[in-house]
Amino acid sequence: MLEEFKKFALRGNVVDLAVGVIIGAAFGAIVTSLVQDIIMPIIGAVTGGLDFSNYYIPLSSKVQAGMAYADAKKVGAVVGYGHFLTLAVNFTIVAFVLFLVIRAMNTLKSREEAKPEAVAEVPADVKLLGEIRDLLAERRA
């Protein structure tokens, strides 16, 4: 059973998947930072200094108006639609970037498939034998 697990764990697809998950996590962190630290502040500046991450609807009377979202969550139940909006923008960016990557890969793949195969050059000895065959065929005729 240990040998079977070893074969499974070291199979190429499993290793490729592990690499993909690790790179995906790193890419996710980069996109999260891009959204939270660059895009959302720009959107907030354009909309008059709005900070979407602190938009919420209090569901508890303990939550006072004007509290930061993180503090409001500690005090009582809140619906954090600003945080959701930030995550939705994050997802949209990730999906668009993945779309561009897959599109580029498909373009490269179709170009590779469209290339005509190189015609292998006939070796000199095979060419000479073909000429001899043709000469012998002429003599017989």
N, C-alpha and C. Protein backbone atom coordinates (compact mmCIF):
# COMPACT_ATOMS: atom_id res chain seq x y z
N MET A 1 0.82 -1.19 0.00
CA MET A 1 0.00 0.00 0.00
C MET A 1 0.87 1.26 0.00
N LEU A 2 1.97 1.21 0.73
CA LEU A 2 2.88 2.36 0.77
C LEU A 2 3.49 2.59 -0.62
N GLU A 3 3.81 1.52 -1.30
CA GLU A 3 4.37 1.63 -2.66
C GLU A 3 3.36 2.23 -3.62
N GLU A 4 2.10 1.83 -3.49
CA GLU A 4 1.04 2.37 -4.35
C GLU A 4 0.84 3.87 -4.08
N PHE A 5 0.88 4.27 -2.80
CA PHE A 5 0.76 5.68 -2.46
C PHE A 5 1.94 6.47 -3.01
N LYS A 6 3.12 5.90 -2.94
CA LYS A 6 4.33 6.55 -3.45
C LYS A 6 4.20 6.80 -4.96
N LYS A 7 3.70 5.81 -5.69
CA LYS A 7 3.50 5.97 -7.13
C LYS A 7 2.49 7.08 -7.41
N PHE A 8 1.42 7.12 -6.61
CA PHE A 8 0.38 8.13 -6.78
C PHE A 8 0.94 9.52 -6.48
N ALA A 9 1.64 9.65 -5.36
CA ALA A 9 2.12 10.96 -4.92
C ALA A 9 3.19 11.52 -5.85
N LEU A 10 3.96 10.67 -6.45
CA LEU A 10 5.04 11.14 -7.32
C LEU A 10 4.65 11.15 -8.78
N ARG A 11 3.41 10.86 -9.08
CA ARG A 11 2.92 10.92 -10.45
C ARG A 11 3.01 12.37 -10.92
N GLY A 12 3.30 12.59 -12.18
CA GLY A 12 3.48 13.93 -12.73
C GLY A 12 2.31 14.85 -12.50
N ASN A 13 1.09 14.36 -12.65
CA ASN A 13 -0.08 15.22 -12.50
C ASN A 13 -0.22 15.75 -11.08
N VAL A 14 0.09 14.94 -10.10
CA VAL A 14 -0.04 15.36 -8.71
C VAL A 14 0.99 16.44 -8.39
N VAL A 15 2.21 16.26 -8.87
CA VAL A 15 3.25 17.26 -8.64
C VAL A 15 2.89 18.55 -9.36
N ASP A 16 2.41 18.46 -10.59
CA ASP A 16 1.99 19.65 -11.33
C ASP A 16 0.86 20.37 -10.60
N LEU A 17 -0.08 19.62 -10.06
CA LEU A 17 -1.19 20.21 -9.32
C LEU A 17 -0.67 20.93 -8.08
N ALA A 18 0.26 20.32 -7.38
CA ALA A 18 0.82 20.95 -6.18
C ALA A 18 1.52 22.26 -6.53
N VAL A 19 2.28 22.26 -7.60
CA VAL A 19 2.95 23.49 -8.04
C VAL A 19 1.90 24.54 -8.41
N GLY A 20 0.85 24.12 -9.10
CA GLY A 20 -0.21 25.05 -9.48
C GLY A 20 -0.90 25.67 -8.27
N VAL A 21 -1.14 24.87 -7.25
CA VAL A 21 -1.80 25.37 -6.04
C VAL A 21 -0.90 26.38 -5.34
N ILE A 22 0.38 26.09 -5.24
CA ILE A 22 1.31 27.00 -4.57
C ILE A 22 1.42 28.31 -5.34
N ILE A 23 1.57 28.23 -6.65
CA ILE A 23 1.66 29.44 -7.46
C ILE A 23 0.34 30.20 -7.43
N GLY A 24 -0.78 29.46 -7.44
CA GLY A 24 -2.09 30.10 -7.35
C GLY A 24 -2.27 30.87 -6.05
N ALA A 25 -1.79 30.30 -4.95
CA ALA A 25 -1.89 30.99 -3.66
C ALA A 25 -1.05 32.27 -3.67
N ALA A 26 0.15 32.19 -4.23
CA ALA A 26 1.00 33.38 -4.32
C ALA A 26 0.37 34.42 -5.23
N PHE A 27 -0.20 33.98 -6.35
CA PHE A 27 -0.86 34.89 -7.28
C PHE A 27 -2.08 35.52 -6.61
N GLY A 28 -2.80 34.75 -5.83
CA GLY A 28 -3.95 35.27 -5.11
C GLY A 28 -3.55 36.37 -4.13
N ALA A 29 -2.43 36.18 -3.46
CA ALA A 29 -1.95 37.20 -2.52
C ALA A 29 -1.58 38.48 -3.26
N ILE A 30 -0.97 38.33 -4.42
CA ILE A 30 -0.61 39.51 -5.22
C ILE A 30 -1.85 40.25 -5.68
N VAL A 31 -2.84 39.50 -6.17
CA VAL A 31 -4.07 40.14 -6.64
C VAL A 31 -4.82 40.79 -5.48
N THR A 32 -4.84 40.14 -4.32
CA THR A 32 -5.49 40.72 -3.15
C THR A 32 -4.84 42.05 -2.78
N SER A 33 -3.52 42.07 -2.78
CA SER A 33 -2.82 43.32 -2.50
C SER A 33 -3.09 44.37 -3.56
N LEU A 34 -3.12 43.95 -4.82
CA LEU A 34 -3.42 44.88 -5.92
C LEU A 34 -4.79 45.53 -5.71
N VAL A 35 -5.77 44.70 -5.38
CA VAL A 35 -7.13 45.23 -5.21
C VAL A 35 -7.21 46.12 -3.97
N GLN A 36 -6.72 45.63 -2.83
CA GLN A 36 -6.88 46.35 -1.58
C GLN A 36 -5.99 47.57 -1.47
N ASP A 37 -4.77 47.49 -2.00
CA ASP A 37 -3.80 48.56 -1.79
C ASP A 37 -3.70 49.54 -2.95
N ILE A 38 -4.17 49.16 -4.13
CA ILE A 38 -4.04 50.06 -5.29
C ILE A 38 -5.40 50.40 -5.90
N ILE A 39 -6.15 49.39 -6.30
CA ILE A 39 -7.39 49.65 -7.05
C ILE A 39 -8.47 50.26 -6.18
N MET A 40 -8.75 49.67 -5.02
CA MET A 40 -9.84 50.18 -4.17
C MET A 40 -9.54 51.60 -3.65
N PRO A 41 -8.30 51.94 -3.28
CA PRO A 41 -8.06 53.34 -2.90
C PRO A 41 -8.28 54.31 -4.06
N ILE A 42 -7.93 53.90 -5.28
CA ILE A 42 -8.17 54.75 -6.45
C ILE A 42 -9.67 54.93 -6.66
N ILE A 43 -10.41 53.83 -6.56
CA ILE A 43 -11.87 53.92 -6.70
C ILE A 43 -12.44 54.79 -5.59
N GLY A 44 -11.92 54.64 -4.39
CA GLY A 44 -12.37 55.47 -3.27
C GLY A 44 -12.07 56.94 -3.51
N ALA A 45 -10.90 57.25 -4.07
CA ALA A 45 -10.54 58.65 -4.36
C ALA A 45 -11.44 59.23 -5.44
N VAL A 46 -11.74 58.43 -6.45
CA VAL A 46 -12.61 58.89 -7.53
C VAL A 46 -14.03 59.14 -7.03
N THR A 47 -14.46 58.34 -6.08
CA THR A 47 -15.83 58.48 -5.56
C THR A 47 -15.89 59.41 -4.35
N GLY A 48 -14.83 60.16 -4.11
CA GLY A 48 -14.86 61.14 -3.02
C GLY A 48 -14.33 60.64 -1.70
N GLY A 49 -13.39 59.75 -1.73
CA GLY A 49 -12.77 59.26 -0.50
C GLY A 49 -13.53 58.16 0.19
N LEU A 50 -14.41 57.47 -0.52
CA LEU A 50 -15.16 56.38 0.08
C LEU A 50 -14.25 55.17 0.31
N ASP A 51 -14.38 54.55 1.45
CA ASP A 51 -13.63 53.34 1.76
C ASP A 51 -14.62 52.19 1.80
N PHE A 52 -14.62 51.40 0.74
CA PHE A 52 -15.61 50.32 0.62
C PHE A 52 -15.48 49.27 1.70
N SER A 53 -14.27 49.07 2.21
CA SER A 53 -14.07 48.00 3.18
C SER A 53 -14.84 48.27 4.48
N ASN A 54 -15.22 49.50 4.74
CA ASN A 54 -15.94 49.83 5.98
C ASN A 54 -17.44 50.01 5.76
N TYR A 55 -17.96 49.57 4.64
CA TYR A 55 -19.40 49.65 4.39
C TYR A 55 -20.06 48.39 4.95
N TYR A 56 -21.00 48.60 5.83
CA TYR A 56 -21.71 47.46 6.42
C TYR A 56 -23.08 47.92 6.89
N ILE A 57 -23.92 46.94 7.12
CA ILE A 57 -25.25 47.19 7.68
C ILE A 57 -25.28 46.51 9.05
N PRO A 58 -25.47 47.28 10.10
CA PRO A 58 -25.51 46.66 11.44
C PRO A 58 -26.80 45.87 11.63
N LEU A 59 -26.66 44.68 12.19
CA LEU A 59 -27.83 43.84 12.49
C LEU A 59 -28.07 43.75 13.99
N SER A 60 -27.20 44.38 14.74
CA SER A 60 -27.30 44.35 16.20
C SER A 60 -27.36 45.78 16.71
N SER A 61 -28.10 45.98 17.76
CA SER A 61 -28.20 47.33 18.34
C SER A 61 -26.92 47.72 19.07
N LYS A 62 -26.06 46.77 19.33
CA LYS A 62 -24.79 47.05 20.00
C LYS A 62 -23.81 47.78 19.09
N VAL A 63 -24.00 47.62 17.77
CA VAL A 63 -23.09 48.24 16.81
C VAL A 63 -23.48 49.70 16.64
N GLN A 64 -22.52 50.59 16.93
CA GLN A 64 -22.77 52.02 16.81
C GLN A 64 -22.40 52.50 15.41
N ALA A 65 -23.10 53.49 14.94
CA ALA A 65 -22.84 54.04 13.61
C ALA A 65 -21.44 54.66 13.57
N GLY A 66 -20.75 54.46 12.48
CA GLY A 66 -19.44 55.06 12.29
C GLY A 66 -18.27 54.19 12.74
N MET A 67 -18.55 53.04 13.31
CA MET A 67 -17.46 52.15 13.73
C MET A 67 -16.79 51.54 12.51
N ALA A 68 -15.53 51.21 12.63
CA ALA A 68 -14.84 50.49 11.57
C ALA A 68 -15.44 49.10 11.46
N TYR A 69 -15.39 48.54 10.26
CA TYR A 69 -16.01 47.23 10.01
C TYR A 69 -15.44 46.16 10.93
N ALA A 70 -14.13 46.13 11.09
CA ALA A 70 -13.50 45.11 11.94
C ALA A 70 -13.98 45.24 13.39
N ASP A 71 -14.10 46.47 13.86
CA ASP A 71 -14.58 46.69 15.23
C ASP A 71 -16.05 46.33 15.35
N ALA A 72 -16.83 46.68 14.33
CA ALA A 72 -18.27 46.38 14.35
C ALA A 72 -18.52 44.88 14.37
N LYS A 73 -17.69 44.12 13.67
CA LYS A 73 -17.83 42.65 13.67
C LYS A 73 -17.59 42.08 15.06
N LYS A 74 -16.69 42.70 15.81
CA LYS A 74 -16.39 42.21 17.16
C LYS A 74 -17.54 42.49 18.12
N VAL A 75 -18.24 43.59 17.90
CA VAL A 75 -19.31 44.00 18.82
C VAL A 75 -20.60 43.23 18.57
N GLY A 76 -20.95 43.06 17.28
CA GLY A 76 -22.22 42.39 16.98
C GLY A 76 -22.29 41.97 15.52
N ALA A 77 -23.46 41.49 15.14
CA ALA A 77 -23.66 40.99 13.79
C ALA A 77 -23.78 42.16 12.81
N VAL A 78 -23.05 42.05 11.69
CA VAL A 78 -23.10 43.07 10.63
C VAL A 78 -23.05 42.38 9.28
N VAL A 79 -23.64 43.03 8.26
CA VAL A 79 -23.53 42.55 6.88
C VAL A 79 -22.49 43.44 6.21
N GLY A 80 -21.34 42.86 5.91
CA GLY A 80 -20.23 43.63 5.34
C GLY A 80 -20.25 43.66 3.84
N TYR A 81 -21.15 44.43 3.25
CA TYR A 81 -21.25 44.46 1.79
C TYR A 81 -20.06 45.17 1.15
N GLY A 82 -19.39 46.05 1.86
CA GLY A 82 -18.19 46.71 1.32
C GLY A 82 -17.06 45.71 1.16
N HIS A 83 -16.90 44.84 2.13
CA HIS A 83 -15.88 43.80 2.04
C HIS A 83 -16.21 42.84 0.90
N PHE A 84 -17.50 42.54 0.76
CA PHE A 84 -17.93 41.68 -0.34
C PHE A 84 -17.63 42.34 -1.69
N LEU A 85 -17.87 43.63 -1.79
CA LEU A 85 -17.58 44.36 -3.03
C LEU A 85 -16.09 44.29 -3.36
N THR A 86 -15.25 44.44 -2.35
CA THR A 86 -13.81 44.34 -2.56
C THR A 86 -13.43 42.94 -3.07
N LEU A 87 -14.01 41.92 -2.47
CA LEU A 87 -13.72 40.55 -2.91
C LEU A 87 -14.27 40.27 -4.30
N ALA A 88 -15.40 40.87 -4.65
CA ALA A 88 -15.96 40.70 -6.00
C ALA A 88 -15.04 41.33 -7.04
N VAL A 89 -14.50 42.50 -6.74
CA VAL A 89 -13.53 43.14 -7.65
C VAL A 89 -12.29 42.26 -7.75
N ASN A 90 -11.84 41.73 -6.63
CA ASN A 90 -10.69 40.83 -6.60
C ASN A 90 -10.92 39.63 -7.51
N PHE A 91 -12.08 38.99 -7.39
CA PHE A 91 -12.41 37.83 -8.21
C PHE A 91 -12.45 38.21 -9.69
N THR A 92 -13.04 39.34 -10.01
CA THR A 92 -13.14 39.77 -11.40
C THR A 92 -11.77 39.96 -12.01
N ILE A 93 -10.85 40.54 -11.27
CA ILE A 93 -9.49 40.74 -11.78
C ILE A 93 -8.81 39.41 -11.99
N VAL A 94 -8.91 38.50 -11.02
CA VAL A 94 -8.29 37.17 -11.17
C VAL A 94 -8.87 36.44 -12.38
N ALA A 95 -10.18 36.47 -12.51
CA ALA A 95 -10.82 35.78 -13.64
C ALA A 95 -10.39 36.38 -14.97
N PHE A 96 -10.27 37.70 -15.04
CA PHE A 96 -9.86 38.35 -16.28
C PHE A 96 -8.41 38.02 -16.63
N VAL A 97 -7.54 38.03 -15.63
CA VAL A 97 -6.13 37.70 -15.88
C VAL A 97 -6.01 36.25 -16.33
N LEU A 98 -6.74 35.34 -15.69
CA LEU A 98 -6.71 33.94 -16.12
C LEU A 98 -7.27 33.78 -17.53
N PHE A 99 -8.31 34.53 -17.86
CA PHE A 99 -8.84 34.52 -19.21
C PHE A 99 -7.77 34.93 -20.22
N LEU A 100 -7.02 36.00 -19.90
CA LEU A 100 -5.96 36.46 -20.81
C LEU A 100 -4.86 35.42 -20.95
N VAL A 101 -4.50 34.76 -19.85
CA VAL A 101 -3.45 33.73 -19.90
C VAL A 101 -3.91 32.55 -20.74
N ILE A 102 -5.12 32.06 -20.51
CA ILE A 102 -5.64 30.92 -21.28
C ILE A 102 -5.79 31.29 -22.74
N ARG A 103 -6.24 32.51 -23.01
CA ARG A 103 -6.39 32.96 -24.40
C ARG A 103 -5.03 33.00 -25.10
N ALA A 104 -4.01 33.51 -24.41
CA ALA A 104 -2.66 33.55 -24.99
C ALA A 104 -2.14 32.14 -25.24
N MET A 105 -2.38 31.24 -24.29
CA MET A 105 -1.92 29.86 -24.47
C MET A 105 -2.63 29.20 -25.65
N ASN A 106 -3.94 29.43 -25.79
CA ASN A 106 -4.68 28.86 -26.91
C ASN A 106 -4.20 29.43 -28.24
N THR A 107 -3.86 30.72 -28.28
CA THR A 107 -3.34 31.34 -29.49
C THR A 107 -2.01 30.71 -29.87
N LEU A 108 -1.14 30.55 -28.89
CA LEU A 108 0.16 29.92 -29.17
C LEU A 108 -0.02 28.48 -29.64
N LYS A 109 -0.95 27.78 -29.01
CA LYS A 109 -1.21 26.39 -29.37
C LYS A 109 -1.74 26.29 -30.80
N SER A 110 -2.66 27.18 -31.18
CA SER A 110 -3.20 27.14 -32.54
C SER A 110 -2.15 27.52 -33.57
N ARG A 111 -1.25 28.44 -33.23
CA ARG A 111 -0.14 28.78 -34.14
C ARG A 111 0.78 27.59 -34.32
N GLU A 112 1.03 26.89 -33.23
CA GLU A 112 1.91 25.72 -33.29
C GLU A 112 1.29 24.63 -34.16
N GLU A 113 -0.03 24.45 -34.03
CA GLU A 113 -0.70 23.43 -34.83
C GLU A 113 -0.79 23.83 -36.29
N ALA A 114 -0.83 25.13 -36.58
CA ALA A 114 -0.97 25.61 -37.95
C ALA A 114 0.35 25.57 -38.72
N LYS A 115 1.46 25.46 -38.02
CA LYS A 115 2.76 25.41 -38.70
C LYS A 115 2.84 24.17 -39.56
N PRO A 116 3.28 24.34 -40.81
CA PRO A 116 3.46 23.15 -41.64
C PRO A 116 4.66 22.35 -41.14
N GLU A 117 4.51 21.06 -41.24
CA GLU A 117 5.60 20.22 -40.78
C GLU A 117 6.76 20.33 -41.75
N ALA A 118 7.93 20.39 -41.21
CA ALA A 118 9.12 20.50 -42.04
C ALA A 118 9.31 19.19 -42.80
N VAL A 119 9.52 19.32 -44.09
CA VAL A 119 9.75 18.14 -44.91
C VAL A 119 11.18 17.69 -44.68
N ALA A 120 11.29 16.44 -44.28
CA ALA A 120 12.62 15.91 -44.00
C ALA A 120 13.39 15.77 -45.31
N GLU A 121 14.62 16.24 -45.31
CA GLU A 121 15.45 16.15 -46.50
C GLU A 121 15.87 14.70 -46.70
N VAL A 122 15.78 14.27 -47.94
CA VAL A 122 16.12 12.89 -48.27
C VAL A 122 17.65 12.76 -48.21
N PRO A 123 18.14 11.73 -47.50
CA PRO A 123 19.59 11.53 -47.43
C PRO A 123 20.17 11.28 -48.82
N ALA A 124 21.43 11.64 -48.98
CA ALA A 124 22.10 11.55 -50.28
C ALA A 124 22.12 10.12 -50.81
N ASP A 125 22.36 9.13 -49.95
CA ASP A 125 22.44 7.75 -50.44
C ASP A 125 21.07 7.25 -50.92
N VAL A 126 19.99 7.66 -50.26
CA VAL A 126 18.65 7.27 -50.69
C VAL A 126 18.31 7.95 -52.01
N LYS A 127 18.74 9.20 -52.16
CA LYS A 127 18.52 9.94 -53.40
C LYS A 127 19.26 9.25 -54.56
N LEU A 128 20.49 8.85 -54.32
CA LEU A 128 21.30 8.17 -55.34
C LEU A 128 20.67 6.83 -55.72
N LEU A 129 20.18 6.10 -54.73
CA LEU A 129 19.53 4.83 -55.04
C LEU A 129 18.26 5.04 -55.87
N GLY A 130 17.54 6.11 -55.61
CA GLY A 130 16.34 6.44 -56.39
C GLY A 130 16.70 6.74 -57.83
N GLU A 131 17.80 7.47 -58.03
CA GLU A 131 18.25 7.78 -59.40
C GLU A 131 18.67 6.51 -60.14
N ILE A 132 19.36 5.61 -59.45
CA ILE A 132 19.77 4.34 -60.07
C ILE A 132 18.54 3.54 -60.45
N ARG A 133 17.55 3.48 -59.59
CA ARG A 133 16.31 2.77 -59.88
C ARG A 133 15.64 3.35 -61.12
N ASP A 134 15.59 4.68 -61.20
CA ASP A 134 14.95 5.32 -62.36
C ASP A 134 15.73 5.00 -63.65
N LEU A 135 17.06 5.01 -63.60
CA LEU A 135 17.88 4.68 -64.78
C LEU A 135 17.66 3.23 -65.22
N LEU A 136 17.58 2.31 -64.26
CA LEU A 136 17.35 0.92 -64.59
C LEU A 136 15.96 0.73 -65.19
N ALA A 137 14.97 1.49 -64.71
CA ALA A 137 13.62 1.40 -65.24
C ALA A 137 13.60 1.91 -66.68
N GLU A 138 14.39 2.93 -67.00
CA GLU A 138 14.48 3.46 -68.37
C GLU A 138 15.09 2.44 -69.32
N ARG A 139 16.15 1.73 -68.88
CA ARG A 139 16.82 0.73 -69.72
C ARG A 139 15.88 -0.41 -70.08
N ARG A 140 15.05 -0.81 -69.13
CA ARG A 140 14.13 -1.92 -69.37
C ARG A 140 13.06 -1.51 -70.35
N ALA A 141 12.74 -0.27 -70.38
CA ALA A 141 11.67 0.19 -71.27
C ALA A 141 12.14 0.42 -72.66
